[in-house]
N, C-alpha and C. Protein backbone atom coordinates (compact mmCIF):
# COMPACT_ATOMS: atom_id res chain seq x y z
N MET A 1 106.18 107.04 110.46
CA MET A 1 105.44 107.33 109.14
C MET A 1 105.31 106.06 108.28
N VAL A 2 104.53 106.03 107.51
CA VAL A 2 104.23 105.06 106.11
C VAL A 2 103.69 105.28 105.20
N GLN A 3 103.80 104.96 104.19
CA GLN A 3 103.36 105.25 102.59
C GLN A 3 102.05 104.20 102.62
N VAL A 4 101.17 105.19 102.18
CA VAL A 4 99.90 103.87 101.90
C VAL A 4 99.65 104.29 100.57
N VAL A 5 99.68 102.80 100.06
CA VAL A 5 99.22 102.55 98.49
C VAL A 5 97.84 102.12 98.42
N ASN A 6 97.01 102.59 97.14
CA ASN A 6 96.05 101.41 96.69
C ASN A 6 96.30 100.82 96.02
N GLN A 7 96.32 99.36 95.95
CA GLN A 7 97.31 98.14 95.36
C GLN A 7 96.11 97.71 94.47
N THR A 8 94.72 98.01 94.49
CA THR A 8 93.94 97.58 93.38
C THR A 8 94.17 98.74 92.37
N ARG A 9 94.52 99.67 92.28
CA ARG A 9 94.55 100.92 91.59
C ARG A 9 95.81 101.31 91.18
N ARG A 10 97.03 100.63 92.00
CA ARG A 10 98.19 100.82 91.75
C ARG A 10 98.63 102.30 92.18
N ALA A 11 98.21 102.81 93.14
CA ALA A 11 97.94 104.34 93.04
C ALA A 11 98.54 104.81 94.29
N ILE A 12 99.43 105.85 94.77
CA ILE A 12 99.79 106.31 96.13
C ILE A 12 99.08 107.02 96.62
N LEU A 13 98.21 106.76 97.77
CA LEU A 13 97.09 107.71 98.58
C LEU A 13 98.17 108.70 99.09
N ALA A 14 98.88 108.21 99.80
CA ALA A 14 100.38 109.14 100.70
C ALA A 14 101.82 108.38 100.71
N ARG A 15 102.45 109.51 100.45
CA ARG A 15 103.73 108.91 100.49
C ARG A 15 104.50 108.90 102.00
N LYS A 16 104.01 110.28 102.70
CA LYS A 16 104.55 110.54 103.83
C LYS A 16 103.09 110.37 104.77
N CYS A 17 102.75 109.08 105.73
CA CYS A 17 101.63 109.10 106.35
C CYS A 17 101.73 109.11 107.62
N GLU A 18 101.26 109.97 108.32
CA GLU A 18 101.86 109.82 109.79
C GLU A 18 100.61 109.02 110.46
N VAL A 19 100.93 108.04 111.52
CA VAL A 19 99.98 107.00 112.24
C VAL A 19 99.96 107.35 113.78
N ALA A 20 98.38 107.43 113.96
CA ALA A 20 97.90 107.70 115.16
C ALA A 20 97.45 106.59 116.08
N ARG A 21 98.39 106.15 116.70
CA ARG A 21 97.83 104.89 117.55
C ARG A 21 97.21 104.84 119.09
N SER A 22 98.05 106.07 119.76
CA SER A 22 97.68 106.07 121.24
C SER A 22 96.52 106.96 121.32
N PHE A 23 95.96 106.67 122.54
CA PHE A 23 94.60 107.31 123.04
C PHE A 23 94.77 109.12 122.78
N VAL A 24 95.87 109.52 122.94
CA VAL A 24 95.97 110.78 122.86
C VAL A 24 95.97 111.63 121.31
N ALA A 25 96.75 110.64 120.54
CA ALA A 25 97.34 110.81 119.46
C ALA A 25 96.16 110.47 118.40
N ARG A 26 95.38 109.62 118.82
CA ARG A 26 93.77 109.63 117.96
C ARG A 26 92.81 110.53 118.47
N GLY A 27 92.83 110.68 119.43
CA GLY A 27 91.59 112.29 120.05
C GLY A 27 92.17 113.15 119.51
N ARG A 28 93.58 113.73 119.25
CA ARG A 28 93.91 114.72 118.68
C ARG A 28 93.91 115.09 117.21
N GLY A 29 94.52 114.00 116.24
CA GLY A 29 93.99 113.79 115.03
C GLY A 29 94.60 114.63 114.31
N LEU A 30 93.86 115.64 113.30
CA LEU A 30 94.28 116.68 112.56
C LEU A 30 93.96 118.46 113.48
N LEU A 31 93.44 118.14 114.36
CA LEU A 31 92.70 119.57 115.39
C LEU A 31 94.15 120.12 115.26
N GLY A 32 94.08 121.70 115.40
CA GLY A 32 95.16 122.95 115.45
C GLY A 32 96.07 122.74 114.29
N ARG A 33 95.68 122.17 113.14
CA ARG A 33 96.66 121.99 111.87
C ARG A 33 95.62 122.94 111.01
N GLU A 34 96.76 123.63 110.08
CA GLU A 34 95.69 124.46 109.14
C GLU A 34 95.28 123.95 107.78
N SER A 35 96.29 122.63 107.27
CA SER A 35 96.12 122.01 105.97
C SER A 35 97.15 120.34 106.35
N LEU A 36 97.01 119.47 105.58
CA LEU A 36 97.70 118.43 105.43
C LEU A 36 98.60 118.79 104.13
N PRO A 37 100.11 118.24 104.00
CA PRO A 37 100.97 118.54 103.22
C PRO A 37 99.89 117.58 102.08
N VAL A 38 100.45 117.94 100.86
CA VAL A 38 100.37 117.37 99.43
C VAL A 38 100.18 115.85 99.27
N ASP A 39 101.29 114.96 99.66
CA ASP A 39 101.74 113.74 99.95
C ASP A 39 101.40 113.46 101.40
N GLY A 40 101.11 113.79 102.25
CA GLY A 40 100.88 113.27 103.53
C GLY A 40 99.64 112.95 103.77
N GLY A 41 99.16 112.50 104.85
CA GLY A 41 98.22 112.11 105.54
C GLY A 41 98.16 111.79 106.91
N LEU A 42 97.45 111.16 107.58
CA LEU A 42 96.63 110.91 109.13
C LEU A 42 96.21 109.14 108.83
N LEU A 43 96.93 108.57 109.40
CA LEU A 43 96.31 107.15 109.77
C LEU A 43 95.69 106.88 110.98
N ILE A 44 94.73 106.65 111.55
CA ILE A 44 93.94 106.66 112.47
C ILE A 44 93.61 105.19 112.81
N GLU A 45 94.12 104.59 114.19
CA GLU A 45 93.95 103.26 114.10
C GLU A 45 93.90 102.72 115.89
N PRO A 46 93.26 102.13 116.33
CA PRO A 46 91.87 101.92 115.51
C PRO A 46 90.98 102.72 115.61
N CYS A 47 89.99 103.07 114.64
CA CYS A 47 89.12 104.03 114.20
C CYS A 47 88.32 103.44 113.43
N SER A 48 86.68 103.55 113.80
CA SER A 48 85.82 103.17 112.70
C SER A 48 84.81 104.48 112.67
N SER A 49 84.97 105.90 113.08
CA SER A 49 84.24 106.93 113.15
C SER A 49 84.85 108.20 113.33
N ILE A 50 84.81 109.08 112.62
CA ILE A 50 85.55 110.36 112.71
C ILE A 50 84.35 111.55 112.85
N HIS A 51 84.77 112.60 113.54
CA HIS A 51 84.10 113.78 113.58
C HIS A 51 84.73 114.95 112.96
N MET A 52 84.12 115.95 112.88
CA MET A 52 85.31 117.20 112.08
C MET A 52 84.80 118.49 112.65
N LEU A 53 84.50 118.16 113.90
CA LEU A 53 84.35 119.42 114.88
C LEU A 53 85.81 120.27 114.98
N PHE A 54 85.57 121.63 115.07
CA PHE A 54 87.09 122.31 115.43
C PHE A 54 87.93 122.14 114.34
N MET A 55 87.58 121.58 113.11
CA MET A 55 88.47 121.44 112.01
C MET A 55 88.31 122.44 111.47
N ARG A 56 89.81 122.96 110.64
CA ARG A 56 89.94 124.41 109.86
C ARG A 56 89.77 123.80 108.41
N PHE A 57 89.64 123.11 108.26
CA PHE A 57 89.78 122.44 106.53
C PHE A 57 89.02 121.01 106.09
N ALA A 58 88.49 120.98 104.89
CA ALA A 58 88.06 119.38 104.45
C ALA A 58 88.79 118.53 104.14
N ILE A 59 88.64 117.54 104.01
CA ILE A 59 89.84 116.40 103.59
C ILE A 59 89.09 115.06 102.89
N ASP A 60 89.50 114.94 102.78
CA ASP A 60 88.91 113.18 102.06
C ASP A 60 89.13 111.70 103.12
N ALA A 61 88.47 111.30 103.39
CA ALA A 61 88.27 110.38 104.45
C ALA A 61 88.23 108.61 103.75
N ILE A 62 89.40 108.03 104.22
CA ILE A 62 89.25 106.32 103.35
C ILE A 62 88.97 105.26 104.61
N PHE A 63 87.99 104.82 105.02
CA PHE A 63 87.53 103.91 106.08
C PHE A 63 87.62 102.44 105.36
N VAL A 64 88.76 101.71 105.87
CA VAL A 64 89.35 100.32 105.59
C VAL A 64 89.10 99.51 106.74
N ASP A 65 88.86 98.11 106.18
CA ASP A 65 88.66 97.31 107.46
C ASP A 65 89.53 96.25 107.91
N ARG A 66 89.66 95.21 108.58
CA ARG A 66 90.84 94.55 108.78
C ARG A 66 91.61 94.19 108.16
N HIS A 67 90.92 93.90 106.90
CA HIS A 67 91.44 93.04 105.47
C HIS A 67 91.98 93.73 104.66
N GLY A 68 92.38 95.04 105.25
CA GLY A 68 92.78 96.24 103.67
C GLY A 68 92.00 96.45 102.57
N LYS A 69 90.38 96.10 103.16
CA LYS A 69 89.49 96.63 102.37
C LYS A 69 88.87 98.14 102.43
N VAL A 70 89.02 98.59 101.31
CA VAL A 70 87.89 100.34 101.68
C VAL A 70 86.69 99.95 101.74
N VAL A 71 86.20 100.11 103.00
CA VAL A 71 84.67 100.12 103.19
C VAL A 71 83.65 101.31 103.48
N ALA A 72 84.31 102.54 103.09
CA ALA A 72 83.82 103.92 102.98
C ALA A 72 84.67 105.10 102.55
N LEU A 73 84.01 105.48 101.88
CA LEU A 73 84.56 106.79 101.33
C LEU A 73 83.62 107.84 101.47
N TYR A 74 84.67 109.19 102.05
CA TYR A 74 83.83 110.82 102.38
C TYR A 74 84.58 111.72 101.79
N PRO A 75 84.69 111.94 100.51
CA PRO A 75 85.59 113.11 99.54
C PRO A 75 85.18 114.06 100.05
N ASN A 76 85.84 115.35 100.25
CA ASN A 76 85.60 116.47 100.26
C ASN A 76 84.38 116.75 101.72
N LEU A 77 85.16 116.13 102.63
CA LEU A 77 84.42 115.83 104.29
C LEU A 77 84.66 117.29 104.39
N PRO A 78 83.41 118.30 104.62
CA PRO A 78 83.28 119.43 105.08
C PRO A 78 84.15 119.83 107.13
N PRO A 79 84.36 120.39 107.28
CA PRO A 79 84.38 120.82 108.79
C PRO A 79 83.56 121.11 109.23
N TRP A 80 83.61 120.75 110.55
CA TRP A 80 82.15 120.90 111.40
C TRP A 80 80.82 119.86 111.07
N ARG A 81 81.44 118.79 110.02
CA ARG A 81 80.51 117.73 110.04
C ARG A 81 80.29 116.73 111.57
N LEU A 82 79.33 116.53 111.83
CA LEU A 82 78.86 115.30 112.91
C LEU A 82 79.81 113.73 113.00
N TYR A 83 79.81 113.23 112.07
CA TYR A 83 79.88 112.14 112.03
C TYR A 83 80.29 111.73 110.49
N ALA A 84 81.46 110.50 110.43
CA ALA A 84 81.71 109.82 109.50
C ALA A 84 82.17 108.68 109.35
N GLY A 85 81.68 107.60 109.05
CA GLY A 85 82.53 106.24 109.45
C GLY A 85 82.01 105.16 108.98
N HIS A 86 82.18 103.90 108.96
CA HIS A 86 81.51 102.80 108.92
C HIS A 86 81.72 101.41 110.24
N HIS A 87 80.69 100.67 110.79
CA HIS A 87 81.25 99.75 111.64
C HIS A 87 82.37 98.71 111.59
N GLN A 88 82.12 98.51 110.14
CA GLN A 88 83.43 97.10 109.87
C GLN A 88 84.90 97.87 109.62
N ALA A 89 85.25 99.18 109.98
CA ALA A 89 86.27 99.73 109.50
C ALA A 89 87.09 99.46 110.69
N ARG A 90 88.71 99.54 110.09
CA ARG A 90 89.65 99.23 111.25
C ARG A 90 90.68 100.40 111.50
N TYR A 91 90.65 100.89 110.35
CA TYR A 91 91.68 102.19 110.46
C TYR A 91 90.91 103.29 109.54
N VAL A 92 90.68 104.56 109.83
CA VAL A 92 90.84 105.55 108.75
C VAL A 92 91.92 106.40 108.10
N LEU A 93 91.59 106.78 107.10
CA LEU A 93 93.23 107.74 106.52
C LEU A 93 92.38 108.90 105.91
N GLU A 94 92.91 109.93 106.62
CA GLU A 94 92.84 111.32 106.49
C GLU A 94 93.74 111.72 105.54
N LEU A 95 92.99 112.57 104.00
CA LEU A 95 93.99 112.48 103.25
C LEU A 95 93.65 113.88 102.80
N PRO A 96 94.50 114.83 102.00
CA PRO A 96 93.83 115.35 101.67
C PRO A 96 92.92 115.74 100.58
N VAL A 97 91.94 116.70 100.54
CA VAL A 97 91.01 116.97 99.37
C VAL A 97 91.63 116.26 98.06
N GLY A 98 90.99 115.91 97.11
CA GLY A 98 91.31 115.26 95.97
C GLY A 98 91.50 113.99 95.71
N VAL A 99 92.26 113.29 96.49
CA VAL A 99 92.82 111.96 96.44
C VAL A 99 92.45 111.11 96.17
N ILE A 100 90.62 110.84 96.77
CA ILE A 100 89.81 109.82 96.39
C ILE A 100 89.73 110.25 94.42
N ALA A 101 89.44 111.43 94.53
CA ALA A 101 89.20 111.47 93.09
C ALA A 101 90.27 111.20 91.94
N ALA A 102 91.55 111.74 92.00
CA ALA A 102 92.55 111.35 91.70
C ALA A 102 93.04 109.99 91.23
N THR A 103 92.87 109.28 92.39
CA THR A 103 93.42 107.89 92.49
C THR A 103 92.19 107.15 92.47
N GLN A 104 91.34 107.61 91.85
CA GLN A 104 89.95 106.52 91.25
C GLN A 104 89.75 105.74 92.39
N THR A 105 89.90 105.86 94.11
CA THR A 105 89.55 104.91 94.92
C THR A 105 88.08 104.72 94.90
N THR A 106 87.61 103.20 95.02
CA THR A 106 86.32 103.10 95.19
C THR A 106 86.33 101.98 96.31
N ILE A 107 85.17 102.05 96.63
CA ILE A 107 84.34 100.60 97.92
C ILE A 107 85.22 99.51 97.33
N GLY A 108 85.90 98.52 98.00
CA GLY A 108 86.45 97.15 97.78
C GLY A 108 87.61 97.30 97.26
N ASP A 109 88.77 98.51 97.03
CA ASP A 109 89.85 98.61 96.51
C ASP A 109 90.44 97.86 98.14
N GLN A 110 91.72 97.20 97.68
CA GLN A 110 92.73 96.74 98.33
C GLN A 110 93.58 97.91 98.65
N ILE A 111 93.66 98.20 99.75
CA ILE A 111 94.87 99.23 100.67
C ILE A 111 95.79 98.63 101.51
N VAL A 112 97.31 99.08 101.27
CA VAL A 112 98.39 98.16 101.74
C VAL A 112 99.56 99.38 102.27
N VAL A 113 99.59 98.96 103.47
CA VAL A 113 100.40 100.16 104.59
C VAL A 113 101.65 99.49 104.21
N GLN A 114 102.52 100.34 104.05
CA GLN A 114 104.36 100.41 103.83
C GLN A 114 104.96 101.09 104.91
N PRO A 115 106.12 100.52 105.75
CA PRO A 115 106.89 101.59 106.29
C PRO A 115 107.72 102.12 105.28
N VAL A 116 107.94 103.40 105.58
CA VAL A 116 108.83 104.54 104.81
C VAL A 116 110.39 104.26 105.28
N GLU A 117 111.42 104.16 104.43
CA GLU A 117 112.54 104.06 104.22
C GLU A 117 113.50 105.08 104.06
């Protein structure tokens, strides 16, 4: 588990964010789940694109490059969308709908991933 912070806005994006780095974990993503916890999320790395096929709920997706800068935002990404991504992304944060708006996250913001103690 990690905590993900938008350092530019001084806002916490996810207090308890799961990390998916293995081939199996990245492929599974959020499939089979009913929702994300309010302060939760999923960080998928490496990842430059996602699909929403077979998903049961919408998410906010934030694509971040290798320097920790936001390169693409997909607020309220609906189930069954075929593609979301950015060619410069190193990882994606999948978060509950409304996090992007509530934290006023924008392209170019600096994201920091911290271990949860």
